[in-house]
Amino acid sequence: MTARVCPICRKKVPAGEVVAYSDTLECPHCHSPLRVADSSRILGAFFALAVGLFVWSYTATGNGNMSWVLPAVYTFLAYSAAFMIYLMAIGELVSRPAEPEPVPAAVPAQGQTGGHH
């Protein structure tokens, strides 16, 4: 299947919505509930980890007391950006099962109290 296409109506879903609402996405055309496929999440995570490892190895050459801070920050930012770009470019969408209606909490009957025993 192609990237960011609704499996119901076969129309493109905007990349920003795929990244922002990856679990609770709704197709802007047919309004069907969607989510990013697990395969896209797993492959995207491995791609982002590889980018993060590359950034870490490139920036971890400092000699000061706090030389570990910037490589960690750069790695986190690189991982986040790489994962986002991967989902925008290659993210596959699948149908999300309908969520059950919430059940209200039971109200005690008249004369019954939730007292201590």
C-alpha atoms as a PDB file:
ATOM      1  CA  MET A   1       0.000   0.000   0.000  1.00  0.00           C
ATOM      2  CA  THR A   2       1.217   3.533  -0.605  1.00  0.00           C
ATOM      3  CA  ALA A   3       2.157   6.024   2.072  1.00  0.00           C
ATOM      4  CA  ARG A   4      -0.473   8.012   3.953  1.00  0.00           C
ATOM      5  CA  VAL A   5      -3.451   6.679   1.997  1.00  0.00           C
ATOM      6  CA  CYS A   6      -6.744   5.959   3.731  1.00  0.00           C
ATOM      7  CA  PRO A   7      -7.516   2.232   3.327  1.00  0.00           C
ATOM      8  CA  ILE A   8     -11.247   3.000   3.101  1.00  0.00           C
ATOM      9  CA  CYS A   9     -11.554   5.840   0.555  1.00  0.00           C
ATOM     10  CA  ARG A  10      -8.035   5.603  -1.001  1.00  0.00           C
ATOM     11  CA  LYS A  11      -7.348   9.352  -0.650  1.00  0.00           C
ATOM     12  CA  LYS A  12      -4.173  10.930   0.758  1.00  0.00           C
ATOM     13  CA  VAL A  13      -4.128  12.002   4.400  1.00  0.00           C
ATOM     14  CA  PRO A  14      -2.039  15.110   5.195  1.00  0.00           C
ATOM     15  CA  ALA A  15       1.421  14.332   6.580  1.00  0.00           C
ATOM     16  CA  GLY A  16       1.038  16.691   9.536  1.00  0.00           C
ATOM     17  CA  GLU A  17      -2.056  14.865  10.754  1.00  0.00           C
ATOM     18  CA  VAL A  18      -0.346  11.473  10.425  1.00  0.00           C
ATOM     19  CA  VAL A  19       2.502  12.624  12.651  1.00  0.00           C
ATOM     20  CA  ALA A  20       0.397  14.581  15.157  1.00  0.00           C
ATOM     21  CA  TYR A  21      -2.426  12.045  15.619  1.00  0.00           C
ATOM     22  CA  SER A  22      -0.770   8.701  14.857  1.00  0.00           C
ATOM     23  CA  ASP A  23      -3.066   6.689  17.181  1.00  0.00           C
ATOM     24  CA  THR A  24      -6.285   8.688  16.983  1.00  0.00           C
ATOM     25  CA  LEU A  25      -6.214   9.761  13.356  1.00  0.00           C
ATOM     26  CA  GLU A  26      -9.406  10.388  11.419  1.00  0.00           C
ATOM     27  CA  CYS A  27      -9.556  10.525   7.635  1.00  0.00           C
ATOM     28  CA  PRO A  28     -10.412  14.091   6.571  1.00  0.00           C
ATOM     29  CA  HIS A  29     -12.357  12.750   3.563  1.00  0.00           C
ATOM     30  CA  CYS A  30     -14.467   9.815   4.802  1.00  0.00           C
ATOM     31  CA  HIS A  31     -14.040  10.368   8.591  1.00  0.00           C
ATOM     32  CA  SER A  32     -13.121   6.745   9.264  1.00  0.00           C
ATOM     33  CA  PRO A  33     -10.916   6.032  12.308  1.00  0.00           C
ATOM     34  CA  LEU A  34      -7.299   5.294  11.330  1.00  0.00           C
ATOM     35  CA  ARG A  35      -3.919   4.679  12.948  1.00  0.00           C
ATOM     36  CA  VAL A  36      -0.335   4.233  11.790  1.00  0.00           C
ATOM     37  CA  ALA A  37       0.452   0.565  11.075  1.00  0.00           C
ATOM     38  CA  ASP A  38       2.713  -1.304  13.486  1.00  0.00           C
ATOM     39  CA  SER A  39       5.080  -2.211  10.660  1.00  0.00           C
ATOM     40  CA  SER A  40       5.623   1.476   9.890  1.00  0.00           C
ATOM     41  CA  ARG A  41       6.231   2.223  13.562  1.00  0.00           C
ATOM     42  CA  ILE A  42       8.802  -0.553  13.976  1.00  0.00           C
ATOM     43  CA  LEU A  43      10.715   0.191  10.770  1.00  0.00           C
ATOM     44  CA  GLY A  44      10.605   3.911  11.536  1.00  0.00           C
ATOM     45  CA  ALA A  45      11.969   3.318  15.031  1.00  0.00           C
ATOM     46  CA  PHE A  46      14.911   1.291  13.699  1.00  0.00           C
ATOM     47  CA  PHE A  47      15.618   3.932  11.045  1.00  0.00           C
ATOM     48  CA  ALA A  48      15.528   6.680  13.687  1.00  0.00           C
ATOM     49  CA  LEU A  49      17.784   4.655  16.012  1.00  0.00           C
ATOM     50  CA  ALA A  50      20.336   4.310  13.204  1.00  0.00           C
ATOM     51  CA  VAL A  51      20.231   8.070  12.621  1.00  0.00           C
ATOM     52  CA  GLY A  52      20.579   8.672  16.368  1.00  0.00           C
ATOM     53  CA  LEU A  53      23.571   6.317  16.569  1.00  0.00           C
ATOM     54  CA  PHE A  54      25.230   8.123  13.674  1.00  0.00           C
ATOM     55  CA  VAL A  55      24.673  11.521  15.340  1.00  0.00           C
ATOM     56  CA  TRP A  56      25.959  10.173  18.674  1.00  0.00           C
ATOM     57  CA  SER A  57      29.152   8.829  17.117  1.00  0.00           C
ATOM     58  CA  TYR A  58      29.716  12.084  15.266  1.00  0.00           C
ATOM     59  CA  THR A  59      29.171  14.400  18.267  1.00  0.00           C
ATOM     60  CA  ALA A  60      30.616  12.354  21.163  1.00  0.00           C
ATOM     61  CA  THR A  61      34.173  13.680  20.913  1.00  0.00           C
ATOM     62  CA  GLY A  62      34.184  16.336  23.677  1.00  0.00           C
ATOM     63  CA  ASN A  63      36.640  16.411  26.589  1.00  0.00           C
ATOM     64  CA  GLY A  64      34.921  18.596  29.220  1.00  0.00           C
ATOM     65  CA  ASN A  65      33.001  17.683  32.368  1.00  0.00           C
ATOM     66  CA  MET A  66      29.675  18.109  30.612  1.00  0.00           C
ATOM     67  CA  SER A  67      30.752  16.669  27.257  1.00  0.00           C
ATOM     68  CA  TRP A  68      27.982  14.047  27.414  1.00  0.00           C
ATOM     69  CA  VAL A  69      25.112  16.580  27.449  1.00  0.00           C
ATOM     70  CA  LEU A  70      25.204  17.904  23.891  1.00  0.00           C
ATOM     71  CA  PRO A  71      25.600  14.502  22.214  1.00  0.00           C
ATOM     72  CA  ALA A  72      22.578  13.227  24.181  1.00  0.00           C
ATOM     73  CA  VAL A  73      20.487  16.265  23.224  1.00  0.00           C
ATOM     74  CA  TYR A  74      21.535  16.078  19.571  1.00  0.00           C
ATOM     75  CA  THR A  75      20.805  12.346  19.486  1.00  0.00           C
ATOM     76  CA  PHE A  76      17.332  12.842  20.947  1.00  0.00           C
ATOM     77  CA  LEU A  77      16.546  15.603  18.460  1.00  0.00           C
ATOM     78  CA  ALA A  78      17.906  13.565  15.541  1.00  0.00           C
ATOM     79  CA  TYR A  79      15.864  10.503  16.576  1.00  0.00           C
ATOM     80  CA  SER A  80      12.689  12.578  16.867  1.00  0.00           C
ATOM     81  CA  ALA A  81      13.179  14.330  13.539  1.00  0.00           C
ATOM     82  CA  ALA A  82      14.116  11.117  11.698  1.00  0.00           C
ATOM     83  CA  PHE A  83      11.070   9.251  13.037  1.00  0.00           C
ATOM     84  CA  MET A  84       8.786  12.141  12.101  1.00  0.00           C
ATOM     85  CA  ILE A  85      10.216  12.400   8.583  1.00  0.00           C
ATOM     86  CA  TYR A  86       9.956   8.625   8.120  1.00  0.00           C
ATOM     87  CA  LEU A  87       6.261   8.617   9.093  1.00  0.00           C
ATOM     88  CA  MET A  88       5.577  11.600   6.845  1.00  0.00           C
ATOM     89  CA  ALA A  89       7.249   9.952   3.867  1.00  0.00           C
ATOM     90  CA  ILE A  90       6.564   6.231   4.260  1.00  0.00           C
ATOM     91  CA  GLY A  91       3.937   5.845   7.018  1.00  0.00           C
ATOM     92  CA  GLU A  92       1.213   3.315   6.202  1.00  0.00           C
ATOM     93  CA  LEU A  93      -2.286   3.722   7.627  1.00  0.00           C
ATOM     94  CA  VAL A  94      -4.668   0.997   8.766  1.00  0.00           C
ATOM     95  CA  SER A  95      -8.224   1.031  10.085  1.00  0.00           C
ATOM     96  CA  ARG A  96      -8.593   1.510  13.814  1.00  0.00           C
ATOM     97  CA  PRO A  97     -11.234  -0.607  15.554  1.00  0.00           C
ATOM     98  CA  ALA A  98     -14.178   1.315  16.937  1.00  0.00           C
ATOM     99  CA  GLU A  99     -13.790   2.215  20.582  1.00  0.00           C
ATOM    100  CA  PRO A 100     -16.472   0.945  22.953  1.00  0.00           C
ATOM    101  CA  GLU A 101     -18.761   3.464  24.570  1.00  0.00           C
ATOM    102  CA  PRO A 102     -17.690   4.378  28.113  1.00  0.00           C
ATOM    103  CA  VAL A 103     -19.806   2.758  30.823  1.00  0.00           C
ATOM    104  CA  PRO A 104     -20.945   5.112  33.585  1.00  0.00           C
ATOM    105  CA  ALA A 105     -20.006   4.250  37.143  1.00  0.00           C
ATOM    106  CA  ALA A 106     -22.706   2.479  39.144  1.00  0.00           C
ATOM    107  CA  VAL A 107     -24.614   4.712  41.545  1.00  0.00           C
ATOM    108  CA  PRO A 108     -25.453   3.050  44.898  1.00  0.00           C
ATOM    109  CA  ALA A 109     -29.183   2.389  45.439  1.00  0.00           C
ATOM    110  CA  GLN A 110     -31.160   4.356  48.036  1.00  0.00           C
ATOM    111  CA  GLY A 111     -30.213   3.279  51.540  1.00  0.00           C
ATOM    112  CA  GLN A 112     -26.957   1.623  50.519  1.00  0.00           C
ATOM    113  CA  THR A 113     -23.798   3.381  51.476  1.00  0.00           C
ATOM    114  CA  GLY A 114     -20.222   2.594  50.826  1.00  0.00           C
ATOM    115  CA  GLY A 115     -19.402   2.750  54.549  1.00  0.00           C
ATOM    116  CA  HIS A 116     -16.552   1.097  56.358  1.00  0.00           C
ATOM    117  CA  HIS A 117     -16.839  -2.512  57.507  1.00  0.00           C
END
